[in-house]
Amino acid sequence: FSGDSIISWNARIDQFDIVLADYMLPVLSIHDASRETMGVAQIAIDRIGDIQQSTSNVGFFFMDMMTLLPGHSETATALLGQVVGNSDEMYLVPGLIGALYISFGIVGVIAFYALAGFALQRLWISYQRSGNAKTFSLAIVAVIYLIQMTYRGIPKPMYIAAAVIVIYCFGSSRKISAQGSTEASGEE
């Protein structure tokens, strides 16, 4: 079993006798990504003392957000490259469950997913009651980010930028619709 056959889709179909291979491609890529992050997380948890020693008071989970502040330049993925991969040139991701466990233990994992589930439930109920396209859009963006974070694991500054853009777009659409209704009533 060579490395080339792992990358080759046709070789994997033959090796594992995959039925309905055309339908398995999306599932297989998610499976591969999950296995990678689980492996990194397992080694990181085994070496949690080294990680905690290197994060000082910042906390592993929020290290990437701290890069926005002056004097903080090391990211969590770079730290994992050093601790797990023994390389300064490697960047590794533990997945959301691994990152939460490293920082907050099992309580952090359960609390995060309980809060995320509650927030998504509230968004969905709000959408079902109002039928508002903005609420639906917000729910879809939240689900996409939750899926992406489950694989990527560590909150990145780009998440703040995306939230600001969505909020700005919602605010702008209110102003535009308010101006449109004022202009429409003035024409009558």
N, C-alpha and C. Protein backbone atom coordinates (compact mmCIF):
# COMPACT_ATOMS: atom_id res chain seq x y z
N PHE A 1 0.86 -1.18 0.00
CA PHE A 1 0.00 0.00 0.00
C PHE A 1 0.90 1.22 0.00
N SER A 2 1.03 1.90 -1.13
CA SER A 2 1.95 3.02 -1.25
C SER A 2 1.23 4.35 -1.05
N GLY A 3 2.01 5.40 -0.87
CA GLY A 3 1.46 6.74 -0.72
C GLY A 3 0.73 7.20 -1.96
N ASP A 4 1.20 6.77 -3.13
CA ASP A 4 0.53 7.17 -4.38
C ASP A 4 -0.88 6.60 -4.46
N SER A 5 -1.09 5.39 -3.94
CA SER A 5 -2.41 4.80 -4.01
C SER A 5 -3.38 5.46 -3.03
N ILE A 6 -2.85 6.11 -2.00
CA ILE A 6 -3.71 6.84 -1.07
C ILE A 6 -4.28 8.08 -1.76
N ILE A 7 -3.46 8.73 -2.56
CA ILE A 7 -3.89 9.95 -3.25
C ILE A 7 -4.75 9.64 -4.46
N SER A 8 -4.48 8.57 -5.14
CA SER A 8 -5.21 8.21 -6.35
C SER A 8 -6.60 7.69 -6.01
N TRP A 9 -7.61 8.37 -6.52
CA TRP A 9 -8.99 8.00 -6.24
C TRP A 9 -9.29 6.62 -6.83
N ASN A 10 -8.85 6.37 -8.06
CA ASN A 10 -9.12 5.08 -8.70
C ASN A 10 -8.44 3.93 -7.95
N ALA A 11 -7.23 4.16 -7.45
CA ALA A 11 -6.54 3.12 -6.69
C ALA A 11 -7.28 2.82 -5.38
N ARG A 12 -7.84 3.83 -4.76
CA ARG A 12 -8.60 3.62 -3.52
C ARG A 12 -9.87 2.84 -3.78
N ILE A 13 -10.53 3.13 -4.92
CA ILE A 13 -11.75 2.39 -5.28
C ILE A 13 -11.43 0.91 -5.43
N ASP A 14 -10.34 0.63 -6.13
CA ASP A 14 -9.94 -0.77 -6.34
C ASP A 14 -9.48 -1.42 -5.03
N GLN A 15 -8.67 -0.72 -4.26
CA GLN A 15 -8.11 -1.28 -3.01
C GLN A 15 -9.19 -1.66 -2.01
N PHE A 16 -10.19 -0.79 -1.84
CA PHE A 16 -11.19 -1.01 -0.81
C PHE A 16 -12.53 -1.50 -1.35
N ASP A 17 -12.59 -1.74 -2.68
CA ASP A 17 -13.81 -2.24 -3.31
C ASP A 17 -15.01 -1.35 -2.94
N ILE A 18 -14.88 -0.06 -3.23
CA ILE A 18 -15.90 0.93 -2.87
C ILE A 18 -17.09 0.82 -3.82
N VAL A 19 -18.28 0.64 -3.26
CA VAL A 19 -19.51 0.56 -4.03
C VAL A 19 -20.06 1.98 -4.20
N LEU A 20 -20.59 2.29 -5.36
CA LEU A 20 -21.13 3.62 -5.67
C LEU A 20 -20.08 4.70 -5.41
N ALA A 21 -18.94 4.54 -6.01
CA ALA A 21 -17.79 5.41 -5.76
C ALA A 21 -18.07 6.88 -6.05
N ASP A 22 -18.89 7.18 -7.05
CA ASP A 22 -19.17 8.58 -7.38
C ASP A 22 -19.85 9.31 -6.23
N TYR A 23 -20.59 8.57 -5.44
CA TYR A 23 -21.30 9.18 -4.32
C TYR A 23 -20.46 9.23 -3.05
N MET A 24 -19.37 8.52 -3.03
CA MET A 24 -18.53 8.44 -1.83
C MET A 24 -17.47 9.52 -1.74
N LEU A 25 -17.17 10.20 -2.84
CA LEU A 25 -16.08 11.18 -2.83
C LEU A 25 -16.25 12.25 -1.75
N PRO A 26 -17.42 12.90 -1.61
CA PRO A 26 -17.53 13.91 -0.54
C PRO A 26 -17.36 13.32 0.85
N VAL A 27 -17.90 12.14 1.09
CA VAL A 27 -17.80 11.51 2.39
C VAL A 27 -16.36 11.10 2.68
N LEU A 28 -15.68 10.59 1.67
CA LEU A 28 -14.31 10.14 1.85
C LEU A 28 -13.37 11.30 2.19
N SER A 29 -13.56 12.45 1.56
CA SER A 29 -12.69 13.59 1.88
C SER A 29 -12.92 14.08 3.30
N ILE A 30 -14.17 14.08 3.76
CA ILE A 30 -14.45 14.46 5.16
C ILE A 30 -13.84 13.43 6.10
N HIS A 31 -13.95 12.16 5.74
CA HIS A 31 -13.37 11.09 6.56
C HIS A 31 -11.86 11.25 6.68
N ASP A 32 -11.19 11.51 5.55
CA ASP A 32 -9.73 11.68 5.56
C ASP A 32 -9.32 12.87 6.43
N ALA A 33 -10.03 13.99 6.28
CA ALA A 33 -9.71 15.18 7.06
C ALA A 33 -9.92 14.91 8.55
N SER A 34 -10.97 14.19 8.89
CA SER A 34 -11.25 13.88 10.29
C SER A 34 -10.17 12.99 10.88
N ARG A 35 -9.72 12.01 10.12
CA ARG A 35 -8.66 11.12 10.62
C ARG A 35 -7.38 11.90 10.88
N GLU A 36 -7.07 12.84 9.99
CA GLU A 36 -5.85 13.64 10.17
C GLU A 36 -5.93 14.47 11.45
N THR A 37 -7.04 15.18 11.64
CA THR A 37 -7.15 16.03 12.83
C THR A 37 -7.21 15.20 14.10
N MET A 38 -7.84 14.02 14.04
CA MET A 38 -7.87 13.16 15.24
C MET A 38 -6.47 12.69 15.61
N GLY A 39 -5.67 12.36 14.62
CA GLY A 39 -4.30 11.92 14.89
C GLY A 39 -3.47 13.03 15.51
N VAL A 40 -3.59 14.24 14.95
CA VAL A 40 -2.86 15.39 15.50
C VAL A 40 -3.34 15.68 16.92
N ALA A 41 -4.65 15.65 17.12
CA ALA A 41 -5.20 15.93 18.45
C ALA A 41 -4.73 14.90 19.48
N GLN A 42 -4.68 13.63 19.09
CA GLN A 42 -4.25 12.59 20.02
C GLN A 42 -2.81 12.80 20.47
N ILE A 43 -1.93 13.10 19.52
CA ILE A 43 -0.53 13.34 19.89
C ILE A 43 -0.41 14.61 20.73
N ALA A 44 -1.18 15.65 20.36
CA ALA A 44 -1.15 16.91 21.11
C ALA A 44 -1.62 16.69 22.55
N ILE A 45 -2.67 15.88 22.72
CA ILE A 45 -3.17 15.61 24.08
C ILE A 45 -2.13 14.82 24.87
N ASP A 46 -1.44 13.91 24.20
CA ASP A 46 -0.36 13.17 24.88
C ASP A 46 0.76 14.10 25.33
N ARG A 47 0.95 15.20 24.60
CA ARG A 47 2.02 16.16 24.92
C ARG A 47 1.45 17.49 25.43
N ILE A 48 0.34 17.41 26.12
CA ILE A 48 -0.37 18.61 26.58
C ILE A 48 0.48 19.48 27.51
N GLY A 49 1.36 18.88 28.27
CA GLY A 49 2.23 19.65 29.17
C GLY A 49 3.13 20.60 28.39
N ASP A 50 3.68 20.14 27.27
CA ASP A 50 4.53 21.00 26.43
C ASP A 50 3.72 22.15 25.85
N ILE A 51 2.48 21.88 25.46
CA ILE A 51 1.63 22.92 24.87
C ILE A 51 1.28 23.96 25.93
N GLN A 52 0.87 23.52 27.10
CA GLN A 52 0.49 24.45 28.16
C GLN A 52 1.67 25.28 28.62
N GLN A 53 2.84 24.70 28.60
CA GLN A 53 4.05 25.44 28.99
C GLN A 53 4.36 26.54 27.98
N SER A 54 4.05 26.31 26.71
CA SER A 54 4.35 27.28 25.65
C SER A 54 3.29 28.34 25.46
N THR A 55 2.09 28.15 25.99
CA THR A 55 1.01 29.11 25.75
C THR A 55 0.91 30.19 26.81
N SER A 56 1.60 30.09 27.88
CA SER A 56 1.56 31.03 29.01
C SER A 56 0.12 31.31 29.42
N ASN A 57 -0.26 32.57 29.52
CA ASN A 57 -1.60 32.92 29.99
C ASN A 57 -2.61 33.09 28.86
N VAL A 58 -2.15 33.03 27.64
CA VAL A 58 -3.01 33.28 26.49
C VAL A 58 -4.05 32.18 26.33
N GLY A 59 -3.65 30.95 26.47
CA GLY A 59 -4.55 29.83 26.24
C GLY A 59 -4.45 29.37 24.80
N PHE A 60 -4.36 28.10 24.62
CA PHE A 60 -4.15 27.51 23.30
C PHE A 60 -5.29 27.85 22.33
N PHE A 61 -6.52 27.75 22.79
CA PHE A 61 -7.69 27.92 21.92
C PHE A 61 -7.75 29.31 21.29
N PHE A 62 -7.26 30.32 21.99
CA PHE A 62 -7.37 31.70 21.50
C PHE A 62 -6.05 32.26 20.96
N MET A 63 -5.04 31.43 20.79
CA MET A 63 -3.73 31.91 20.35
C MET A 63 -3.79 32.64 19.01
N ASP A 64 -4.56 32.13 18.05
CA ASP A 64 -4.62 32.77 16.74
C ASP A 64 -5.30 34.14 16.81
N MET A 65 -6.30 34.27 17.67
CA MET A 65 -6.95 35.58 17.85
C MET A 65 -5.98 36.59 18.47
N MET A 66 -5.10 36.10 19.31
CA MET A 66 -4.15 36.99 19.97
C MET A 66 -3.11 37.55 19.00
N THR A 67 -2.96 36.96 17.81
CA THR A 67 -2.01 37.49 16.83
C THR A 67 -2.45 38.86 16.33
N LEU A 68 -3.69 39.25 16.58
CA LEU A 68 -4.15 40.58 16.20
C LEU A 68 -3.56 41.66 17.11
N LEU A 69 -3.09 41.27 18.28
CA LEU A 69 -2.53 42.21 19.24
C LEU A 69 -1.02 42.34 19.05
N PRO A 70 -0.46 43.50 19.35
CA PRO A 70 0.99 43.66 19.23
C PRO A 70 1.73 42.72 20.18
N GLY A 71 2.81 42.16 19.71
CA GLY A 71 3.65 41.31 20.53
C GLY A 71 3.26 39.83 20.55
N HIS A 72 2.16 39.47 19.92
CA HIS A 72 1.72 38.08 19.85
C HIS A 72 1.80 37.63 18.40
N SER A 73 2.73 36.74 18.10
CA SER A 73 2.86 36.32 16.71
C SER A 73 2.76 34.82 16.50
N GLU A 74 2.90 34.02 17.54
CA GLU A 74 2.85 32.58 17.34
C GLU A 74 1.41 32.10 17.29
N THR A 75 1.11 31.28 16.29
CA THR A 75 -0.23 30.72 16.16
C THR A 75 -0.27 29.33 16.79
N ALA A 76 -1.48 28.87 17.07
CA ALA A 76 -1.65 27.55 17.65
C ALA A 76 -1.20 26.46 16.68
N THR A 77 -1.45 26.67 15.39
CA THR A 77 -1.04 25.66 14.40
C THR A 77 0.48 25.55 14.31
N ALA A 78 1.18 26.69 14.47
CA ALA A 78 2.65 26.66 14.47
C ALA A 78 3.17 25.96 15.73
N LEU A 79 2.53 26.24 16.86
CA LEU A 79 2.92 25.57 18.11
C LEU A 79 2.74 24.06 18.00
N LEU A 80 1.64 23.62 17.40
CA LEU A 80 1.43 22.19 17.21
C LEU A 80 2.47 21.60 16.26
N GLY A 81 2.88 22.37 15.27
CA GLY A 81 3.94 21.90 14.38
C GLY A 81 5.22 21.64 15.15
N GLN A 82 5.50 22.50 16.12
CA GLN A 82 6.71 22.33 16.93
C GLN A 82 6.57 21.16 17.91
N VAL A 83 5.43 21.09 18.60
CA VAL A 83 5.24 20.09 19.65
C VAL A 83 4.92 18.71 19.08
N VAL A 84 4.03 18.66 18.09
CA VAL A 84 3.60 17.37 17.54
C VAL A 84 4.51 16.92 16.40
N GLY A 85 4.81 17.84 15.49
CA GLY A 85 5.60 17.48 14.31
C GLY A 85 7.09 17.67 14.45
N ASN A 86 7.51 18.25 15.59
CA ASN A 86 8.93 18.52 15.84
C ASN A 86 9.58 19.32 14.71
N SER A 87 8.84 20.32 14.20
CA SER A 87 9.35 21.14 13.10
C SER A 87 8.82 22.56 13.23
N ASP A 88 9.71 23.52 12.97
CA ASP A 88 9.28 24.92 12.96
C ASP A 88 8.63 25.31 11.65
N GLU A 89 8.72 24.45 10.65
CA GLU A 89 8.17 24.75 9.33
C GLU A 89 6.85 24.02 9.08
N MET A 90 6.31 23.35 10.06
CA MET A 90 5.09 22.57 9.90
C MET A 90 3.97 23.22 10.72
N TYR A 91 2.78 23.27 10.13
CA TYR A 91 1.61 23.80 10.81
C TYR A 91 0.55 22.71 10.85
N LEU A 92 0.08 22.36 12.05
CA LEU A 92 -0.87 21.26 12.21
C LEU A 92 -2.14 21.75 12.89
N VAL A 93 -3.25 21.07 12.59
CA VAL A 93 -4.55 21.45 13.12
C VAL A 93 -5.12 20.29 13.93
N PRO A 94 -5.58 20.56 15.17
CA PRO A 94 -6.11 19.47 16.00
C PRO A 94 -7.61 19.23 15.83
N GLY A 95 -8.30 20.02 15.03
CA GLY A 95 -9.75 19.92 14.96
C GLY A 95 -10.36 20.64 16.15
N LEU A 96 -11.64 20.96 16.05
CA LEU A 96 -12.30 21.72 17.11
C LEU A 96 -12.36 20.94 18.42
N ILE A 97 -12.69 19.66 18.32
CA ILE A 97 -12.78 18.87 19.54
C ILE A 97 -11.42 18.79 20.23
N GLY A 98 -10.36 18.58 19.46
CA GLY A 98 -9.02 18.53 20.03
C GLY A 98 -8.60 19.85 20.64
N ALA A 99 -8.86 20.96 19.95
CA ALA A 99 -8.48 22.28 20.47
C ALA A 99 -9.24 22.61 21.74
N LEU A 100 -10.54 22.31 21.75
CA LEU A 100 -11.32 22.56 22.97
C LEU A 100 -10.84 21.68 24.12
N TYR A 101 -10.55 20.42 23.83
CA TYR A 101 -10.10 19.51 24.88
C TYR A 101 -8.75 19.95 25.45
N ILE A 102 -7.84 20.37 24.59
CA ILE A 102 -6.52 20.82 25.04
C ILE A 102 -6.66 22.03 25.96
N SER A 103 -7.57 22.94 25.62
CA SER A 103 -7.72 24.18 26.39
C SER A 103 -8.64 24.07 27.59
N PHE A 104 -9.75 23.35 27.44
CA PHE A 104 -10.78 23.38 28.48
C PHE A 104 -11.20 22.01 29.01
N GLY A 105 -10.64 20.95 28.46
CA GLY A 105 -11.02 19.61 28.90
C GLY A 105 -12.35 19.19 28.32
N ILE A 106 -12.86 18.08 28.80
CA ILE A 106 -14.11 17.52 28.29
C ILE A 106 -15.28 18.45 28.54
N VAL A 107 -15.24 19.22 29.62
CA VAL A 107 -16.30 20.17 29.92
C VAL A 107 -16.39 21.23 28.83
N GLY A 108 -15.25 21.69 28.34
CA GLY A 108 -15.23 22.69 27.27
C GLY A 108 -15.83 22.16 25.98
N VAL A 109 -15.54 20.91 25.66
CA VAL A 109 -16.08 20.29 24.44
C VAL A 109 -17.61 20.21 24.54
N ILE A 110 -18.09 19.69 25.64
CA ILE A 110 -19.54 19.54 25.83
C ILE A 110 -20.22 20.90 25.86
N ALA A 111 -19.65 21.86 26.59
CA ALA A 111 -20.26 23.18 26.70
C ALA A 111 -20.31 23.88 25.34
N PHE A 112 -19.24 23.80 24.56
CA PHE A 112 -19.22 24.46 23.25
C PHE A 112 -20.31 23.91 22.34
N TYR A 113 -20.37 22.59 22.24
CA TYR A 113 -21.36 22.00 21.33
C TYR A 113 -22.78 22.18 21.84
N ALA A 114 -22.98 22.23 23.15
CA ALA A 114 -24.31 22.51 23.69
C ALA A 114 -24.73 23.94 23.35
N LEU A 115 -23.81 24.89 23.53
CA LEU A 115 -24.12 26.28 23.18
C LEU A 115 -24.33 26.47 21.69
N ALA A 116 -23.49 25.82 20.88
CA ALA A 116 -23.64 25.92 19.42
C ALA A 116 -24.98 25.33 18.98
N GLY A 117 -25.34 24.19 19.55
CA GLY A 117 -26.62 23.57 19.22
C GLY A 117 -27.79 24.44 19.64
N PHE A 118 -27.70 25.03 20.82
CA PHE A 118 -28.75 25.92 21.29
C PHE A 118 -28.89 27.13 20.38
N ALA A 119 -27.76 27.74 19.99
CA ALA A 119 -27.79 28.92 19.12
C ALA A 119 -28.37 28.58 17.75
N LEU A 120 -27.96 27.44 17.19
CA LEU A 120 -28.51 27.03 15.89
C LEU A 120 -29.99 26.72 15.98
N GLN A 121 -30.41 26.11 17.09
CA GLN A 121 -31.83 25.83 17.28
C GLN A 121 -32.63 27.13 17.33
N ARG A 122 -32.13 28.11 18.07
CA ARG A 122 -32.83 29.40 18.18
C ARG A 122 -32.94 30.08 16.81
N LEU A 123 -31.85 30.05 16.04
CA LEU A 123 -31.87 30.63 14.70
C LEU A 123 -32.91 29.92 13.82
N TRP A 124 -32.92 28.61 13.87
CA TRP A 124 -33.82 27.85 13.01
C TRP A 124 -35.29 28.08 13.41
N ILE A 125 -35.57 28.10 14.70
CA ILE A 125 -36.93 28.37 15.17
C ILE A 125 -37.36 29.77 14.75
N SER A 126 -36.44 30.72 14.88
CA SER A 126 -36.74 32.09 14.46
C SER A 126 -37.05 32.15 12.97
N TYR A 127 -36.28 31.43 12.18
CA TYR A 127 -36.54 31.40 10.74
C TYR A 127 -37.89 30.76 10.43
N GLN A 128 -38.19 29.64 11.10
CA GLN A 128 -39.46 28.96 10.84
C GLN A 128 -40.66 29.82 11.19
N ARG A 129 -40.53 30.62 12.24
CA ARG A 129 -41.63 31.49 12.65
C ARG A 129 -41.79 32.70 11.72
N SER A 130 -40.66 33.29 11.32
CA SER A 130 -40.73 34.53 10.55
C SER A 130 -40.62 34.33 9.04
N GLY A 131 -39.94 33.27 8.62
CA GLY A 131 -39.70 33.08 7.19
C GLY A 131 -38.73 34.11 6.63
N ASN A 132 -38.00 34.79 7.51
CA ASN A 132 -37.09 35.86 7.12
C ASN A 132 -35.84 35.28 6.44
N ALA A 133 -35.55 35.77 5.25
CA ALA A 133 -34.39 35.28 4.50
C ALA A 133 -33.08 35.62 5.20
N LYS A 134 -33.04 36.72 5.93
CA LYS A 134 -31.81 37.09 6.65
C LYS A 134 -31.51 36.08 7.77
N THR A 135 -32.52 35.66 8.48
CA THR A 135 -32.34 34.67 9.54
C THR A 135 -31.90 33.34 8.95
N PHE A 136 -32.50 32.97 7.83
CA PHE A 136 -32.10 31.74 7.14
C PHE A 136 -30.63 31.83 6.71
N SER A 137 -30.23 32.97 6.15
CA SER A 137 -28.84 33.17 5.72
C SER A 137 -27.89 33.06 6.90
N LEU A 138 -28.26 33.67 8.00
CA LEU A 138 -27.42 33.62 9.19
C LEU A 138 -27.29 32.19 9.72
N ALA A 139 -28.38 31.44 9.68
CA ALA A 139 -28.34 30.04 10.12
C ALA A 139 -27.42 29.21 9.22
N ILE A 140 -27.51 29.43 7.92
CA ILE A 140 -26.66 28.69 6.98
C ILE A 140 -25.19 29.04 7.20
N VAL A 141 -24.89 30.33 7.36
CA VAL A 141 -23.51 30.75 7.61
C VAL A 141 -23.00 30.11 8.92
N ALA A 142 -23.83 30.07 9.94
CA ALA A 142 -23.43 29.48 11.23
C ALA A 142 -23.15 27.99 11.07
N VAL A 143 -23.97 27.27 10.32
CA VAL A 143 -23.74 25.84 10.11
C VAL A 143 -22.45 25.62 9.34
N ILE A 144 -22.22 26.42 8.30
CA ILE A 144 -21.00 26.29 7.50
C ILE A 144 -19.77 26.53 8.37
N TYR A 145 -19.80 27.58 9.19
CA TYR A 145 -18.66 27.85 10.07
C TYR A 145 -18.47 26.76 11.12
N LEU A 146 -19.54 26.20 11.62
CA LEU A 146 -19.41 25.11 12.60
C LEU A 146 -18.76 23.89 11.96
N ILE A 147 -19.17 23.57 10.74
CA ILE A 147 -18.55 22.45 10.03
C ILE A 147 -17.08 22.75 9.75
N GLN A 148 -16.81 23.97 9.29
CA GLN A 148 -15.43 24.34 8.96
C GLN A 148 -14.56 24.35 10.22
N MET A 149 -15.09 24.85 11.32
CA MET A 149 -14.32 24.87 12.56
C MET A 149 -14.10 23.48 13.13
N THR A 150 -15.04 22.57 12.88
CA THR A 150 -14.87 21.21 13.37
C THR A 150 -13.62 20.61 12.76
N TYR A 151 -13.35 20.94 11.50
CA TYR A 151 -12.11 20.45 10.88
C TYR A 151 -10.93 21.34 11.23
N ARG A 152 -11.07 22.67 11.11
CA ARG A 152 -9.95 23.60 11.33
C ARG A 152 -9.62 23.76 12.80
N GLY A 153 -10.63 23.80 13.65
CA GLY A 153 -10.43 23.70 15.07
C GLY A 153 -10.16 24.94 15.88
N ILE A 154 -9.41 25.86 15.36
CA ILE A 154 -8.98 26.98 16.17
C ILE A 154 -9.57 28.26 15.58
N PRO A 155 -10.25 29.08 16.41
CA PRO A 155 -10.83 30.31 15.86
C PRO A 155 -9.77 31.21 15.24
N LYS A 156 -10.06 31.67 14.06
CA LYS A 156 -9.12 32.50 13.30
C LYS A 156 -9.67 33.92 13.21
N PRO A 157 -8.80 34.90 13.04
CA PRO A 157 -9.27 36.28 12.88
C PRO A 157 -10.24 36.46 11.72
N MET A 158 -10.14 35.61 10.70
CA MET A 158 -11.05 35.73 9.55
C MET A 158 -12.50 35.51 9.97
N TYR A 159 -12.74 34.75 11.05
CA TYR A 159 -14.11 34.54 11.51
C TYR A 159 -14.73 35.85 11.98
N ILE A 160 -13.94 36.69 12.60
CA ILE A 160 -14.43 38.00 13.03
C ILE A 160 -14.76 38.84 11.81
N ALA A 161 -13.87 38.84 10.82
CA ALA A 161 -14.09 39.62 9.60
C ALA A 161 -15.38 39.16 8.90
N ALA A 162 -15.60 37.86 8.82
CA ALA A 162 -16.80 37.35 8.17
C ALA A 162 -18.06 37.78 8.93
N ALA A 163 -18.01 37.73 10.25
CA ALA A 163 -19.16 38.16 11.05
C ALA A 163 -19.44 39.65 10.86
N VAL A 164 -18.38 40.45 10.81
CA VAL A 164 -18.55 41.89 10.61
C VAL A 164 -19.17 42.15 9.23
N ILE A 165 -18.74 41.42 8.22
CA ILE A 165 -19.29 41.60 6.87
C ILE A 165 -20.77 41.24 6.84
N VAL A 166 -21.15 40.13 7.46
CA VAL A 166 -22.56 39.72 7.49
C VAL A 166 -23.39 40.77 8.23
N ILE A 167 -22.92 41.23 9.36
CA ILE A 167 -23.65 42.25 10.13
C ILE A 167 -23.76 43.54 9.33
N TYR A 168 -22.69 43.94 8.66
CA TYR A 168 -22.71 45.15 7.83
C TYR A 168 -23.73 45.01 6.69
N CYS A 169 -23.75 43.85 6.05
CA CYS A 169 -24.70 43.63 4.96
C CYS A 169 -26.13 43.70 5.47
N PHE A 170 -26.42 43.11 6.64
CA PHE A 170 -27.76 43.18 7.20
C PHE A 170 -28.13 44.62 7.53
N GLY A 171 -27.18 45.35 8.12
CA GLY A 171 -27.43 46.76 8.45
C GLY A 171 -27.66 47.60 7.21
N SER A 172 -26.87 47.37 6.17
CA SER A 172 -27.01 48.12 4.92
C SER A 172 -28.33 47.82 4.24
N SER A 173 -28.77 46.56 4.30
CA SER A 173 -30.03 46.21 3.64
C SER A 173 -31.21 46.87 4.36
N ARG A 174 -31.11 47.06 5.67
CA ARG A 174 -32.17 47.77 6.40
C ARG A 174 -32.24 49.23 5.97
N LYS A 175 -31.06 49.86 5.84
CA LYS A 175 -31.03 51.26 5.43
C LYS A 175 -31.56 51.42 4.01
N ILE A 176 -31.19 50.51 3.13
CA ILE A 176 -31.64 50.58 1.74
C ILE A 176 -33.15 50.38 1.66
N SER A 177 -33.68 49.40 2.38
CA SER A 177 -35.13 49.17 2.34
C SER A 177 -35.87 50.32 3.02
N ALA A 178 -35.29 50.94 4.06
CA ALA A 178 -35.93 52.09 4.70
C ALA A 178 -35.95 53.29 3.74
N GLN A 179 -34.86 53.50 3.00
CA GLN A 179 -34.81 54.59 2.02
C GLN A 179 -35.79 54.33 0.90
N GLY A 180 -35.88 53.07 0.46
CA GLY A 180 -36.79 52.72 -0.63
C GLY A 180 -38.23 52.95 -0.24
N SER A 181 -38.61 52.61 0.99
CA SER A 181 -39.98 52.81 1.44
C SER A 181 -40.29 54.28 1.63
N THR A 182 -39.29 55.09 2.05
CA THR A 182 -39.48 56.53 2.20
C THR A 182 -39.67 57.18 0.83
N GLU A 183 -38.87 56.76 -0.14
CA GLU A 183 -39.00 57.30 -1.50
C GLU A 183 -40.30 56.89 -2.13
N ALA A 184 -40.73 55.66 -1.89
CA ALA A 184 -41.99 55.18 -2.47
C ALA A 184 -43.17 55.95 -1.89
N SER A 185 -43.13 56.24 -0.58
CA SER A 185 -44.25 56.98 0.01
C SER A 185 -44.23 58.45 -0.39
N GLY A 186 -43.08 58.97 -0.73
CA GLY A 186 -42.96 60.36 -1.18
C GLY A 186 -43.44 60.56 -2.60
N GLU A 187 -43.44 59.51 -3.41
CA GLU A 187 -43.89 59.60 -4.80
C GLU A 187 -45.38 59.63 -4.91
N GLU A 188 -46.09 59.13 -3.92
CA GLU A 188 -47.55 59.05 -4.00
C GLU A 188 -48.21 60.36 -3.89
